[in-house]
Amino acid sequence: MSEQKSLVSKAFHTFLAEAPEQAQAWGALVQSLSQASALDTKTGALAYLAVLAALNRTSGIPFHVQGAKKAGASREEVISAVLVGLPAAGHVVTQALPVAVEAYDSELPSG
C-alpha cells in the first residue's frame, strides 16, 4: 500500500487527510461514474490518460498509468493515449510523455 501511495500526488494525499468526508464523497462519485461507463477498464484508463495529458495534469499520470498497465495496456498503448490529444490540445501533451513512460517502466505496486 505504501508503494501505491507514492503514485498519488501530495495534493491528493492532503485532500484525503484534511477533508476525509469530501474525499469519501469524491471517491463514491468517481466509482459510480466508472460503473456507469460503457468502456471496458483498459479503454477507460487509456482515455483518462489522454484527458490528463491534454489538461497537463501530470501529477495524476503515474497512478493512472499503473491502472492502465494493470488493466492490460501495453507501453505503446499508453504512449498513444498520451499523444492522442496532440492535434486538439497541442504540444502540451508531450509534457506527460516522460512521466507516463517512467511510470509504465516502473514496477507495478503490489496490493
N, C-alpha and C. Protein backbone atom coordinates (compact mmCIF):
# COMPACT_ATOMS: atom_id res chain seq x y z
N MET A 1 0.82 -1.20 0.00
CA MET A 1 0.00 0.00 0.00
C MET A 1 0.86 1.26 0.00
N SER A 2 1.97 1.26 0.73
CA SER A 2 2.81 2.44 0.76
C SER A 2 3.39 2.75 -0.62
N GLU A 3 3.71 1.70 -1.39
CA GLU A 3 4.19 1.90 -2.74
C GLU A 3 3.09 2.51 -3.61
N GLN A 4 1.85 2.06 -3.43
CA GLN A 4 0.72 2.61 -4.17
C GLN A 4 0.53 4.08 -3.81
N LYS A 5 0.67 4.42 -2.53
CA LYS A 5 0.51 5.80 -2.10
C LYS A 5 1.53 6.71 -2.76
N SER A 6 2.73 6.20 -3.04
CA SER A 6 3.75 7.04 -3.65
C SER A 6 3.37 7.46 -5.08
N LEU A 7 2.42 6.79 -5.67
CA LEU A 7 1.95 7.16 -7.01
C LEU A 7 0.95 8.31 -6.97
N VAL A 8 0.47 8.62 -5.79
CA VAL A 8 -0.56 9.65 -5.63
C VAL A 8 0.11 10.97 -5.23
N SER A 9 -0.33 12.05 -5.83
CA SER A 9 0.28 13.36 -5.58
C SER A 9 0.12 13.80 -4.13
N LYS A 10 1.01 14.68 -3.71
CA LYS A 10 0.94 15.26 -2.37
C LYS A 10 -0.40 15.99 -2.17
N ALA A 11 -0.86 16.66 -3.20
CA ALA A 11 -2.13 17.39 -3.12
C ALA A 11 -3.28 16.43 -2.83
N PHE A 12 -3.28 15.27 -3.49
CA PHE A 12 -4.38 14.33 -3.26
C PHE A 12 -4.26 13.70 -1.89
N HIS A 13 -3.04 13.42 -1.43
CA HIS A 13 -2.85 12.92 -0.07
C HIS A 13 -3.40 13.92 0.95
N THR A 14 -3.13 15.20 0.72
CA THR A 14 -3.61 16.25 1.62
C THR A 14 -5.14 16.29 1.60
N PHE A 15 -5.72 16.19 0.42
CA PHE A 15 -7.18 16.14 0.29
C PHE A 15 -7.76 15.00 1.12
N LEU A 16 -7.16 13.81 1.00
CA LEU A 16 -7.63 12.64 1.75
C LEU A 16 -7.50 12.85 3.26
N ALA A 17 -6.40 13.44 3.68
CA ALA A 17 -6.14 13.61 5.11
C ALA A 17 -6.93 14.76 5.73
N GLU A 18 -7.05 15.86 5.02
CA GLU A 18 -7.63 17.07 5.59
C GLU A 18 -9.12 17.25 5.32
N ALA A 19 -9.63 16.53 4.35
CA ALA A 19 -11.05 16.65 4.02
C ALA A 19 -11.63 15.26 3.76
N PRO A 20 -11.59 14.39 4.77
CA PRO A 20 -11.99 12.99 4.55
C PRO A 20 -13.43 12.81 4.09
N GLU A 21 -14.34 13.64 4.55
CA GLU A 21 -15.74 13.49 4.13
C GLU A 21 -15.90 13.84 2.66
N GLN A 22 -15.26 14.93 2.24
CA GLN A 22 -15.32 15.31 0.83
C GLN A 22 -14.59 14.28 -0.03
N ALA A 23 -13.47 13.76 0.47
CA ALA A 23 -12.73 12.75 -0.27
C ALA A 23 -13.56 11.48 -0.44
N GLN A 24 -14.28 11.11 0.60
CA GLN A 24 -15.14 9.93 0.51
C GLN A 24 -16.26 10.16 -0.51
N ALA A 25 -16.85 11.35 -0.50
CA ALA A 25 -17.90 11.67 -1.47
C ALA A 25 -17.33 11.68 -2.89
N TRP A 26 -16.14 12.24 -3.04
CA TRP A 26 -15.48 12.25 -4.35
C TRP A 26 -15.23 10.84 -4.85
N GLY A 27 -14.71 10.00 -3.97
CA GLY A 27 -14.44 8.61 -4.32
C GLY A 27 -15.69 7.87 -4.75
N ALA A 28 -16.78 8.11 -4.04
CA ALA A 28 -18.05 7.46 -4.40
C ALA A 28 -18.52 7.92 -5.78
N LEU A 29 -18.37 9.20 -6.05
CA LEU A 29 -18.75 9.74 -7.36
C LEU A 29 -17.91 9.11 -8.48
N VAL A 30 -16.60 9.08 -8.27
CA VAL A 30 -15.70 8.51 -9.27
C VAL A 30 -16.05 7.04 -9.53
N GLN A 31 -16.29 6.29 -8.47
CA GLN A 31 -16.63 4.87 -8.61
C GLN A 31 -17.96 4.72 -9.35
N SER A 32 -18.92 5.55 -9.03
CA SER A 32 -20.22 5.49 -9.68
C SER A 32 -20.11 5.82 -11.17
N LEU A 33 -19.35 6.84 -11.50
CA LEU A 33 -19.15 7.19 -12.90
C LEU A 33 -18.45 6.08 -13.66
N SER A 34 -17.47 5.45 -13.03
CA SER A 34 -16.76 4.34 -13.65
C SER A 34 -17.71 3.18 -13.94
N GLN A 35 -18.56 2.86 -12.98
CA GLN A 35 -19.51 1.77 -13.15
C GLN A 35 -20.54 2.07 -14.23
N ALA A 36 -20.84 3.34 -14.45
CA ALA A 36 -21.83 3.73 -15.45
C ALA A 36 -21.24 3.77 -16.86
N SER A 37 -19.93 3.71 -16.98
CA SER A 37 -19.27 3.82 -18.28
C SER A 37 -19.48 2.57 -19.12
N ALA A 38 -19.66 2.78 -20.41
CA ALA A 38 -19.76 1.66 -21.34
C ALA A 38 -18.39 1.17 -21.79
N LEU A 39 -17.33 1.88 -21.38
CA LEU A 39 -15.98 1.49 -21.77
C LEU A 39 -15.46 0.38 -20.87
N ASP A 40 -14.69 -0.53 -21.46
CA ASP A 40 -14.04 -1.54 -20.64
C ASP A 40 -12.93 -0.85 -19.82
N THR A 41 -12.42 -1.54 -18.82
CA THR A 41 -11.47 -0.95 -17.88
C THR A 41 -10.23 -0.39 -18.58
N LYS A 42 -9.64 -1.16 -19.49
CA LYS A 42 -8.43 -0.70 -20.17
C LYS A 42 -8.70 0.53 -21.03
N THR A 43 -9.76 0.50 -21.80
CA THR A 43 -10.09 1.63 -22.67
C THR A 43 -10.37 2.88 -21.84
N GLY A 44 -11.11 2.72 -20.75
CA GLY A 44 -11.39 3.85 -19.86
C GLY A 44 -10.12 4.43 -19.27
N ALA A 45 -9.20 3.56 -18.86
CA ALA A 45 -7.93 4.02 -18.28
C ALA A 45 -7.10 4.78 -19.32
N LEU A 46 -7.07 4.28 -20.54
CA LEU A 46 -6.32 4.96 -21.60
C LEU A 46 -6.97 6.29 -21.96
N ALA A 47 -8.28 6.33 -22.01
CA ALA A 47 -8.98 7.59 -22.29
C ALA A 47 -8.71 8.61 -21.20
N TYR A 48 -8.69 8.15 -19.95
CA TYR A 48 -8.42 9.06 -18.82
C TYR A 48 -7.01 9.62 -18.93
N LEU A 49 -6.05 8.79 -19.33
CA LEU A 49 -4.69 9.29 -19.53
C LEU A 49 -4.65 10.37 -20.61
N ALA A 50 -5.41 10.17 -21.67
CA ALA A 50 -5.46 11.17 -22.73
C ALA A 50 -5.98 12.51 -22.21
N VAL A 51 -7.00 12.44 -21.38
CA VAL A 51 -7.56 13.67 -20.80
C VAL A 51 -6.55 14.34 -19.87
N LEU A 52 -5.92 13.55 -19.00
CA LEU A 52 -4.91 14.12 -18.10
C LEU A 52 -3.79 14.80 -18.89
N ALA A 53 -3.32 14.16 -19.95
CA ALA A 53 -2.26 14.73 -20.76
C ALA A 53 -2.72 16.03 -21.43
N ALA A 54 -3.93 16.03 -21.98
CA ALA A 54 -4.44 17.22 -22.65
C ALA A 54 -4.63 18.39 -21.69
N LEU A 55 -4.95 18.08 -20.44
CA LEU A 55 -5.15 19.13 -19.43
C LEU A 55 -3.86 19.46 -18.67
N ASN A 56 -2.76 18.78 -19.04
CA ASN A 56 -1.46 18.95 -18.40
C ASN A 56 -1.53 18.68 -16.89
N ARG A 57 -2.26 17.64 -16.52
CA ARG A 57 -2.39 17.22 -15.13
C ARG A 57 -1.42 16.06 -14.88
N THR A 58 -0.14 16.33 -14.97
CA THR A 58 0.85 15.27 -14.91
C THR A 58 0.97 14.62 -13.53
N SER A 59 0.51 15.27 -12.48
CA SER A 59 0.63 14.66 -11.15
C SER A 59 -0.21 13.38 -11.04
N GLY A 60 -1.27 13.26 -11.82
CA GLY A 60 -2.10 12.07 -11.78
C GLY A 60 -1.66 10.96 -12.73
N ILE A 61 -0.71 11.27 -13.58
CA ILE A 61 -0.29 10.31 -14.60
C ILE A 61 0.27 9.01 -14.01
N PRO A 62 1.21 9.04 -13.06
CA PRO A 62 1.77 7.77 -12.58
C PRO A 62 0.72 6.80 -12.04
N PHE A 63 -0.19 7.29 -11.24
CA PHE A 63 -1.25 6.44 -10.67
C PHE A 63 -2.10 5.83 -11.78
N HIS A 64 -2.49 6.64 -12.74
CA HIS A 64 -3.39 6.17 -13.79
C HIS A 64 -2.67 5.33 -14.85
N VAL A 65 -1.39 5.56 -15.05
CA VAL A 65 -0.62 4.67 -15.93
C VAL A 65 -0.57 3.27 -15.33
N GLN A 66 -0.33 3.20 -14.03
CA GLN A 66 -0.29 1.89 -13.39
C GLN A 66 -1.65 1.20 -13.47
N GLY A 67 -2.73 1.96 -13.37
CA GLY A 67 -4.06 1.38 -13.54
C GLY A 67 -4.27 0.84 -14.94
N ALA A 68 -3.80 1.59 -15.94
CA ALA A 68 -3.91 1.13 -17.33
C ALA A 68 -3.06 -0.12 -17.54
N LYS A 69 -1.86 -0.11 -16.99
CA LYS A 69 -0.96 -1.25 -17.11
C LYS A 69 -1.58 -2.49 -16.46
N LYS A 70 -2.15 -2.30 -15.28
CA LYS A 70 -2.80 -3.41 -14.58
C LYS A 70 -3.99 -3.95 -15.38
N ALA A 71 -4.64 -3.06 -16.14
CA ALA A 71 -5.78 -3.46 -16.97
C ALA A 71 -5.35 -4.10 -18.29
N GLY A 72 -4.03 -4.18 -18.52
CA GLY A 72 -3.54 -4.85 -19.71
C GLY A 72 -3.02 -3.96 -20.81
N ALA A 73 -2.91 -2.67 -20.56
CA ALA A 73 -2.42 -1.75 -21.59
C ALA A 73 -0.92 -1.95 -21.81
N SER A 74 -0.53 -1.94 -23.06
CA SER A 74 0.90 -2.04 -23.39
C SER A 74 1.54 -0.66 -23.26
N ARG A 75 2.85 -0.66 -23.25
CA ARG A 75 3.62 0.59 -23.19
C ARG A 75 3.25 1.47 -24.40
N GLU A 76 3.14 0.85 -25.57
CA GLU A 76 2.79 1.58 -26.79
C GLU A 76 1.39 2.18 -26.71
N GLU A 77 0.46 1.44 -26.09
CA GLU A 77 -0.90 1.97 -25.94
C GLU A 77 -0.92 3.17 -24.99
N VAL A 78 -0.13 3.11 -23.93
CA VAL A 78 -0.05 4.25 -23.00
C VAL A 78 0.52 5.46 -23.72
N ILE A 79 1.60 5.27 -24.47
CA ILE A 79 2.19 6.38 -25.22
C ILE A 79 1.19 6.95 -26.21
N SER A 80 0.48 6.09 -26.92
CA SER A 80 -0.51 6.55 -27.90
C SER A 80 -1.64 7.31 -27.21
N ALA A 81 -2.06 6.85 -26.04
CA ALA A 81 -3.12 7.53 -25.31
C ALA A 81 -2.68 8.94 -24.91
N VAL A 82 -1.46 9.06 -24.43
CA VAL A 82 -0.93 10.37 -24.05
C VAL A 82 -0.90 11.30 -25.26
N LEU A 83 -0.54 10.78 -26.41
CA LEU A 83 -0.38 11.61 -27.61
C LEU A 83 -1.65 11.80 -28.42
N VAL A 84 -2.72 11.10 -28.08
CA VAL A 84 -3.93 11.17 -28.89
C VAL A 84 -4.49 12.61 -28.97
N GLY A 85 -4.27 13.40 -27.95
CA GLY A 85 -4.78 14.78 -27.95
C GLY A 85 -3.88 15.78 -28.64
N LEU A 86 -2.77 15.33 -29.19
CA LEU A 86 -1.81 16.25 -29.82
C LEU A 86 -2.45 17.19 -30.85
N PRO A 87 -3.27 16.70 -31.77
CA PRO A 87 -3.87 17.63 -32.75
C PRO A 87 -4.80 18.67 -32.11
N ALA A 88 -5.53 18.27 -31.08
CA ALA A 88 -6.50 19.19 -30.48
C ALA A 88 -5.90 20.05 -29.37
N ALA A 89 -5.07 19.45 -28.53
CA ALA A 89 -4.53 20.17 -27.37
C ALA A 89 -3.16 20.77 -27.64
N GLY A 90 -2.45 20.22 -28.62
CA GLY A 90 -1.14 20.75 -28.95
C GLY A 90 -0.02 20.07 -28.19
N HIS A 91 1.12 20.70 -28.27
CA HIS A 91 2.38 20.18 -27.72
C HIS A 91 2.33 19.94 -26.21
N VAL A 92 1.37 20.51 -25.52
CA VAL A 92 1.28 20.34 -24.06
C VAL A 92 1.23 18.86 -23.67
N VAL A 93 0.65 18.02 -24.50
CA VAL A 93 0.55 16.60 -24.16
C VAL A 93 1.91 15.93 -24.03
N THR A 94 2.92 16.49 -24.71
CA THR A 94 4.24 15.87 -24.63
C THR A 94 4.85 16.04 -23.23
N GLN A 95 4.33 16.97 -22.44
CA GLN A 95 4.80 17.13 -21.07
C GLN A 95 4.49 15.89 -20.24
N ALA A 96 3.43 15.19 -20.59
CA ALA A 96 3.03 13.98 -19.87
C ALA A 96 3.80 12.75 -20.32
N LEU A 97 4.43 12.82 -21.47
CA LEU A 97 5.08 11.64 -22.03
C LEU A 97 6.20 11.08 -21.16
N PRO A 98 7.16 11.88 -20.70
CA PRO A 98 8.21 11.28 -19.85
C PRO A 98 7.67 10.74 -18.54
N VAL A 99 6.67 11.39 -17.98
CA VAL A 99 6.06 10.93 -16.73
C VAL A 99 5.37 9.59 -16.95
N ALA A 100 4.66 9.47 -18.06
CA ALA A 100 3.94 8.24 -18.37
C ALA A 100 4.89 7.08 -18.64
N VAL A 101 5.93 7.33 -19.41
CA VAL A 101 6.89 6.27 -19.74
C VAL A 101 7.61 5.80 -18.48
N GLU A 102 8.04 6.75 -17.65
CA GLU A 102 8.72 6.38 -16.40
C GLU A 102 7.79 5.56 -15.51
N ALA A 103 6.54 5.97 -15.42
CA ALA A 103 5.57 5.24 -14.59
C ALA A 103 5.32 3.84 -15.15
N TYR A 104 5.23 3.73 -16.47
CA TYR A 104 4.99 2.42 -17.08
C TYR A 104 6.18 1.48 -16.84
N ASP A 105 7.37 2.01 -16.97
CA ASP A 105 8.57 1.20 -16.84
C ASP A 105 8.88 0.83 -15.40
N SER A 106 8.25 1.50 -14.43
CA SER A 106 8.47 1.14 -13.03
C SER A 106 7.65 -0.08 -12.68
N GLU A 107 8.00 -0.72 -11.59
CA GLU A 107 7.30 -1.92 -11.16
C GLU A 107 5.87 -1.59 -10.75
N LEU A 108 4.96 -2.49 -11.06
CA LEU A 108 3.58 -2.35 -10.60
C LEU A 108 3.56 -2.48 -9.09
N PRO A 109 2.85 -1.57 -8.42
CA PRO A 109 2.73 -1.70 -6.97
C PRO A 109 2.01 -2.98 -6.59
N SER A 110 2.39 -3.56 -5.51
CA SER A 110 1.69 -4.77 -5.04
C SER A 110 0.47 -4.35 -4.25
N GLY A 111 -0.51 -5.24 -4.21
CA GLY A 111 -1.70 -4.95 -3.43
C GLY A 111 -2.79 -4.62 -4.29
